[in-house]
Amino acid sequence: MTTPSAPSASAPPPGARAYRLRTGRGEFAVVDAPVASGVEEKGVALLLPGFTGSKEDFHRMHEPLAARGYRTVAVDGRGQHESDGPMDDEAAYAQGELARDVLAQAAALGTPLHLVGHSLGGQIARAAVLLDHSPFLSLTLIASGPAQISDSQQQRVKLLHDALAVMTMAEVWEAILAMGPPEEVGGPARGYGRVEQLRQRWIRHKPAQLLATGRQLCVEPNRVAELAAVPLPFHVLSGARDDTWPVTVLDDMAVRLGAHRTVVPGAEHSPNLDQPLPTAHALADFWDKKRTDGQHGAGTASP
């Protein structure tokens, strides 16, 4: 079931629509792009954004994936941008709670899905798959590593945590802009849209969501062995450079998962923003191959 969405900081791309997806765990703001007219429908993908990100981070991927036959549904998680959540209750944003939200979103869409998670979204997607893999046809991790983020990124998250303890979201945004590019000083990752749109997105995030998920990124255990035992096809996709999880770490994770591996030239931590067209085609190529192979179980490797 759906309900109309509130006005978005960024209009959906052509052919897509924004609405609130009604689930057994509440409503979530989504951008839903159908398959292009006259194109055979091949499948549906659920796209989860990263830390400080939002569904708009996938805007430039909807059209090329629609042209390849895939409906894509990008979602704001609980407390992210246009999806509601408590301001101060961090328990609502525990990883297990967010993973159950993903399972509820999949149930509401009512069809087997390809699951895609960027960065933090990848770790939430992994947690969902470990709870119940049955709604999913495959799992793609975009720039999302096996355990905690790098030391330098942990320091940036700590800066944000300290600022949120004494300042409002609007005050933190102004302080971030005064210090330099937001993604370089512990603030929001780069995103889709102009500065004012990014400011509105930032302010709409719930502080408790940022505090809880930022902490998760700093303490996440290595769960690759658990994931490798799940009977799904895996895809590890990244840019050619990444300060959050080194590319060599992602390479090793892909080997341990027996995963398909894609490195997108000219992209860094956000291939979906840096190089959306080759990233979209890499996803579609992976999904096409799984359809051709008829594989809905993973070829896993020993961790």
Protein backbone atom coordinates (compact mmCIF):
# COMPACT_ATOMS: atom_id res chain seq x y z
CA MET A 1 0.00 0.00 0.00
CA THR A 2 1.13 3.54 -0.63
CA THR A 3 0.40 7.03 0.59
CA PRO A 4 1.36 10.32 -1.07
CA SER A 5 4.80 11.62 -0.21
CA ALA A 6 5.50 15.03 1.31
CA PRO A 7 7.27 17.45 -1.03
CA SER A 8 10.81 16.20 -1.57
CA ALA A 9 14.02 18.20 -1.43
CA SER A 10 14.71 16.70 -4.85
CA ALA A 11 12.09 15.74 -7.45
CA PRO A 12 12.23 12.12 -8.63
CA PRO A 13 13.83 11.43 -12.00
CA PRO A 14 11.66 11.19 -15.13
CA GLY A 15 9.27 8.26 -15.06
CA ALA A 16 9.73 7.61 -11.34
CA ARG A 17 7.39 8.54 -8.54
CA ALA A 18 7.94 9.40 -4.87
CA TYR A 19 5.56 8.03 -2.27
CA ARG A 20 5.44 6.49 1.18
CA LEU A 21 5.61 2.71 1.17
CA ARG A 22 3.28 1.36 3.84
CA THR A 23 4.73 -1.67 5.66
CA GLY A 24 4.13 -3.69 8.80
CA ARG A 25 6.79 -1.55 10.50
CA GLY A 26 5.59 1.88 9.43
CA GLU A 27 5.88 4.02 6.32
CA PHE A 28 9.09 4.67 4.40
CA ALA A 29 9.74 7.33 1.77
CA VAL A 30 10.72 5.76 -1.55
CA VAL A 31 11.46 6.64 -5.15
CA ASP A 32 10.04 3.91 -7.38
CA ALA A 33 11.09 3.74 -11.03
CA PRO A 34 9.23 1.26 -13.27
CA VAL A 35 10.70 -0.58 -16.21
CA ALA A 36 10.91 1.55 -19.36
CA SER A 37 8.01 1.34 -21.80
CA GLY A 38 8.38 -1.49 -24.29
CA VAL A 39 11.16 -3.20 -22.31
CA GLU A 40 10.81 -6.72 -20.92
CA GLU A 41 10.52 -6.65 -17.13
CA LYS A 42 13.33 -8.71 -15.63
CA GLY A 43 13.15 -7.98 -11.92
CA VAL A 44 12.91 -5.54 -9.03
CA ALA A 45 15.70 -4.10 -6.89
CA LEU A 46 15.56 -2.47 -3.45
CA LEU A 47 18.29 0.16 -2.97
CA LEU A 48 19.53 1.20 0.50
CA PRO A 49 21.59 4.40 0.93
CA GLY A 50 24.59 4.98 3.16
CA PHE A 51 25.40 6.98 6.29
CA THR A 52 24.00 10.54 6.06
CA GLY A 53 22.71 9.61 2.60
CA SER A 54 19.23 9.17 1.15
CA LYS A 55 17.24 7.59 -1.65
CA GLU A 56 18.26 10.50 -3.92
CA ASP A 57 21.80 9.07 -4.05
CA PHE A 58 20.47 6.57 -6.60
CA HIS A 59 18.62 9.12 -8.77
CA ARG A 60 20.95 8.84 -11.76
CA MET A 61 20.79 5.03 -11.79
CA HIS A 62 17.01 4.60 -12.13
CA GLU A 63 16.77 5.46 -15.82
CA PRO A 64 19.58 3.19 -17.10
CA LEU A 65 18.32 0.31 -14.96
CA ALA A 66 14.75 0.86 -16.22
CA ALA A 67 16.11 0.66 -19.77
CA ARG A 68 17.71 -2.69 -18.89
CA GLY A 69 14.40 -4.09 -17.62
CA TYR A 70 14.70 -3.53 -13.87
CA ARG A 71 12.28 -1.69 -11.63
CA THR A 72 14.21 0.06 -8.85
CA VAL A 73 12.91 1.19 -5.46
CA ALA A 74 15.26 3.44 -3.47
CA VAL A 75 14.31 3.96 0.16
CA ASP A 76 15.06 6.32 3.02
CA GLY A 77 15.63 4.14 6.07
CA ARG A 78 14.05 4.84 9.44
CA GLY A 79 15.03 8.37 10.56
CA GLN A 80 16.76 9.10 7.25
CA HIS A 81 15.69 12.21 5.33
CA GLU A 82 11.96 11.81 4.55
CA SER A 83 11.30 8.64 6.57
CA ASP A 84 10.13 9.28 10.10
CA GLY A 85 11.75 8.02 13.27
CA PRO A 86 12.33 9.08 16.86
CA MET A 87 14.56 12.11 17.47
CA ASP A 88 16.31 10.83 20.59
CA ASP A 89 15.70 7.09 20.99
CA GLU A 90 18.81 5.40 19.63
CA ALA A 91 17.41 1.93 20.40
CA ALA A 92 15.03 2.37 17.45
CA TYR A 93 18.08 2.46 15.16
CA ALA A 94 19.82 -0.68 16.36
CA GLN A 95 21.09 -2.63 13.38
CA GLY A 96 18.64 -5.47 14.00
CA GLU A 97 15.73 -3.03 13.97
CA LEU A 98 16.89 -1.48 10.70
CA ALA A 99 17.36 -4.95 9.20
CA ARG A 100 13.78 -5.86 10.13
CA ASP A 101 12.64 -2.66 8.43
CA VAL A 102 14.28 -3.91 5.22
CA LEU A 103 12.46 -7.23 5.50
CA ALA A 104 9.20 -5.33 5.99
CA GLN A 105 9.91 -3.20 2.91
CA ALA A 106 10.57 -6.35 0.89
CA ALA A 107 7.31 -7.88 2.13
CA ALA A 108 5.39 -4.74 1.20
CA LEU A 109 6.78 -4.78 -2.33
CA GLY A 110 5.56 -8.36 -2.56
CA THR A 111 8.02 -9.86 -5.02
CA PRO A 112 11.46 -11.49 -4.89
CA LEU A 113 14.05 -8.71 -4.91
CA HIS A 114 17.64 -7.96 -5.74
CA LEU A 115 18.96 -6.19 -2.63
CA VAL A 116 21.56 -3.41 -2.99
CA GLY A 117 23.19 -1.50 -0.14
CA HIS A 118 25.67 1.36 -0.31
CA SER A 119 28.17 1.70 2.57
CA LEU A 120 26.12 1.66 5.81
CA GLY A 121 23.21 0.44 3.69
CA GLY A 122 25.30 -2.56 2.72
CA GLN A 123 25.86 -3.53 6.33
CA ILE A 124 22.15 -3.15 7.06
CA ALA A 125 21.38 -5.22 3.95
CA ARG A 126 23.80 -7.89 5.16
CA ALA A 127 22.06 -7.97 8.55
CA ALA A 128 18.67 -8.36 6.83
CA VAL A 129 19.91 -11.24 4.69
CA LEU A 130 21.38 -12.95 7.76
CA LEU A 131 17.98 -12.70 9.46
CA ASP A 132 16.06 -14.02 6.42
CA HIS A 133 17.44 -14.38 2.91
CA SER A 134 14.24 -15.82 1.41
CA PRO A 135 12.80 -12.52 0.00
CA PHE A 136 15.97 -11.85 -1.99
CA LEU A 137 17.41 -13.04 -5.30
CA SER A 138 20.87 -11.55 -4.76
CA LEU A 139 22.85 -9.15 -2.58
CA THR A 140 25.09 -6.38 -3.93
CA LEU A 141 27.36 -4.49 -1.54
CA ILE A 142 28.44 -1.12 -2.95
CA ALA A 143 31.55 0.26 -1.21
CA SER A 144 30.55 -1.62 1.94
CA GLY A 145 33.18 -3.56 3.80
CA PRO A 146 33.42 -6.61 6.04
CA ALA A 147 33.73 -4.88 9.41
CA GLN A 148 34.31 -1.44 10.96
CA ILE A 149 35.28 1.61 8.90
CA SER A 150 38.86 2.86 8.63
CA ASP A 151 40.52 4.73 11.50
CA SER A 152 40.41 8.04 9.63
CA GLN A 153 36.67 7.68 9.02
CA GLN A 154 36.11 6.71 12.63
CA GLN A 155 37.69 10.01 13.62
CA ARG A 156 35.27 11.87 11.32
CA VAL A 157 32.32 10.06 12.85
CA LYS A 158 33.57 11.01 16.33
CA LEU A 159 33.74 14.67 15.26
CA LEU A 160 30.12 14.46 14.18
CA HIS A 161 29.08 12.70 17.38
CA ASP A 162 30.75 15.37 19.53
CA ALA A 163 29.13 18.18 17.53
CA LEU A 164 25.64 16.68 17.77
CA ALA A 165 26.00 16.51 21.56
CA VAL A 166 26.08 20.31 21.85
CA MET A 167 24.60 21.72 18.63
CA THR A 168 21.40 21.52 16.58
CA MET A 169 21.40 19.88 13.16
CA ALA A 170 21.26 23.32 11.52
CA GLU A 171 24.18 24.57 13.62
CA VAL A 172 26.23 21.49 12.79
CA TRP A 173 25.59 22.06 9.08
CA GLU A 174 26.80 25.65 9.25
CA ALA A 175 29.89 24.58 11.18
CA ILE A 176 30.62 21.89 8.62
CA LEU A 177 30.38 24.34 5.71
CA ALA A 178 32.70 26.75 7.51
CA MET A 179 35.32 24.01 7.87
CA GLY A 180 35.36 22.78 4.29
CA PRO A 181 33.68 20.21 2.03
CA PRO A 182 31.20 18.31 4.25
CA GLU A 183 32.42 14.83 3.37
CA GLU A 184 35.98 15.78 4.37
CA VAL A 185 35.23 17.08 7.87
CA GLY A 186 32.99 14.47 9.39
CA GLY A 187 29.80 15.74 7.82
CA PRO A 188 27.42 14.35 5.22
CA ALA A 189 28.78 12.39 2.32
CA ARG A 190 28.42 14.09 -1.02
CA GLY A 191 24.96 13.64 -2.44
CA TYR A 192 22.58 14.42 -5.26
CA GLY A 193 21.44 18.01 -5.60
CA ARG A 194 22.49 21.56 -4.83
CA VAL A 195 23.85 22.76 -1.48
CA GLU A 196 20.44 23.89 -0.24
CA GLN A 197 18.90 20.52 -1.13
CA LEU A 198 21.71 18.77 0.74
CA ARG A 199 21.15 21.08 3.72
CA GLN A 200 17.46 20.19 3.78
CA ARG A 201 18.32 16.49 3.62
CA TRP A 202 20.79 16.87 6.47
CA ILE A 203 18.32 18.73 8.69
CA ARG A 204 15.63 16.11 8.09
CA HIS A 205 17.84 13.31 9.42
CA LYS A 206 17.05 12.37 13.01
CA PRO A 207 20.04 12.96 15.33
CA ALA A 208 19.52 9.62 17.08
CA GLN A 209 19.74 7.84 13.71
CA LEU A 210 23.09 9.48 12.95
CA LEU A 211 24.47 8.77 16.43
CA ALA A 212 23.37 5.13 16.46
CA THR A 213 24.40 4.23 12.93
CA GLY A 214 27.68 6.15 13.19
CA ARG A 215 28.53 4.10 16.25
CA GLN A 216 27.62 0.91 14.38
CA LEU A 217 30.07 1.76 11.61
CA CYS A 218 32.85 2.11 14.18
CA VAL A 219 32.27 -1.23 15.93
CA GLU A 220 30.77 -3.51 13.24
CA PRO A 221 32.21 -7.05 13.58
CA ASN A 222 33.42 -9.09 10.63
CA ARG A 223 30.45 -11.23 9.55
CA VAL A 224 31.81 -12.46 6.22
CA ALA A 225 31.92 -16.09 7.36
CA GLU A 226 28.23 -15.95 8.30
CA LEU A 227 27.29 -14.30 5.04
CA ALA A 228 29.28 -16.79 2.96
CA ALA A 229 27.05 -19.56 4.29
CA VAL A 230 23.90 -17.89 2.92
CA PRO A 231 22.66 -19.41 -0.39
CA LEU A 232 22.52 -16.20 -2.44
CA PRO A 233 24.61 -14.81 -5.29
CA PHE A 234 26.82 -11.95 -4.07
CA HIS A 235 28.26 -8.94 -5.86
CA VAL A 236 30.92 -6.66 -4.38
CA LEU A 237 31.10 -3.35 -6.25
CA SER A 238 33.34 -0.38 -5.48
CA GLY A 239 35.19 2.53 -6.95
CA ALA A 240 38.86 2.33 -7.78
CA ARG A 241 39.69 4.25 -4.60
CA ASP A 242 38.02 4.20 -1.19
CA ASP A 243 39.05 5.80 2.10
CA THR A 244 36.28 4.13 4.10
CA TRP A 245 37.21 0.52 3.33
CA PRO A 246 40.40 0.09 1.26
CA VAL A 247 39.81 -1.53 -2.11
CA THR A 248 42.15 -4.39 -1.16
CA VAL A 249 39.88 -5.16 1.82
CA LEU A 250 36.88 -5.27 -0.52
CA ASP A 251 38.81 -7.51 -2.92
CA ASP A 252 39.51 -9.97 -0.11
CA MET A 253 35.90 -9.92 1.05
CA ALA A 254 34.72 -10.72 -2.48
CA VAL A 255 37.04 -13.74 -2.63
CA ARG A 256 35.82 -15.01 0.72
CA LEU A 257 32.20 -14.66 -0.40
CA GLY A 258 32.76 -16.24 -3.81
CA ALA A 259 31.26 -13.00 -5.09
CA HIS A 260 31.21 -11.35 -8.47
CA ARG A 261 33.57 -8.35 -8.25
CA THR A 262 33.26 -4.99 -10.02
CA VAL A 263 35.66 -2.05 -9.73
CA VAL A 264 34.29 1.09 -11.37
CA PRO A 265 37.04 3.30 -12.86
CA GLY A 266 36.86 6.97 -11.94
CA ALA A 267 34.75 6.32 -8.85
CA GLU A 268 35.56 6.52 -5.16
CA HIS A 269 33.34 5.71 -2.16
CA SER A 270 30.07 6.50 -3.98
CA PRO A 271 30.11 4.86 -7.44
CA ASN A 272 26.35 5.43 -7.64
CA LEU A 273 27.08 9.19 -7.62
CA ASP A 274 30.56 9.32 -9.17
CA GLN A 275 29.88 7.02 -12.13
CA PRO A 276 26.16 6.17 -12.14
CA LEU A 277 25.94 4.81 -15.69
CA PRO A 278 28.72 2.19 -15.49
CA THR A 279 27.56 1.33 -11.97
CA ALA A 280 24.00 0.74 -13.20
CA HIS A 281 25.23 -1.39 -16.09
CA ALA A 282 27.43 -3.44 -13.75
CA LEU A 283 24.39 -4.17 -11.59
CA ALA A 284 22.24 -5.10 -14.58
CA ASP A 285 24.99 -7.29 -16.04
CA PHE A 286 25.23 -9.19 -12.74
CA TRP A 287 21.46 -9.62 -12.47
CA ASP A 288 21.19 -10.64 -16.14
CA LYS A 289 23.82 -13.31 -15.62
CA LYS A 290 21.95 -14.72 -12.65
CA ARG A 291 18.77 -14.90 -14.75
CA THR A 292 20.63 -16.65 -17.56
CA ASP A 293 22.37 -19.07 -15.23
CA GLY A 294 19.14 -19.75 -13.37
CA GLN A 295 21.12 -19.46 -10.16
CA HIS A 296 19.25 -18.40 -7.06
CA GLY A 297 21.74 -20.01 -4.74
CA ALA A 298 25.26 -18.78 -4.14
CA GLY A 299 28.49 -20.26 -5.26
CA THR A 300 30.24 -19.58 -1.98
CA ALA A 301 33.89 -19.85 -1.14
CA SER A 302 35.46 -20.86 2.13
CA PRO A 303 36.03 -17.83 4.35
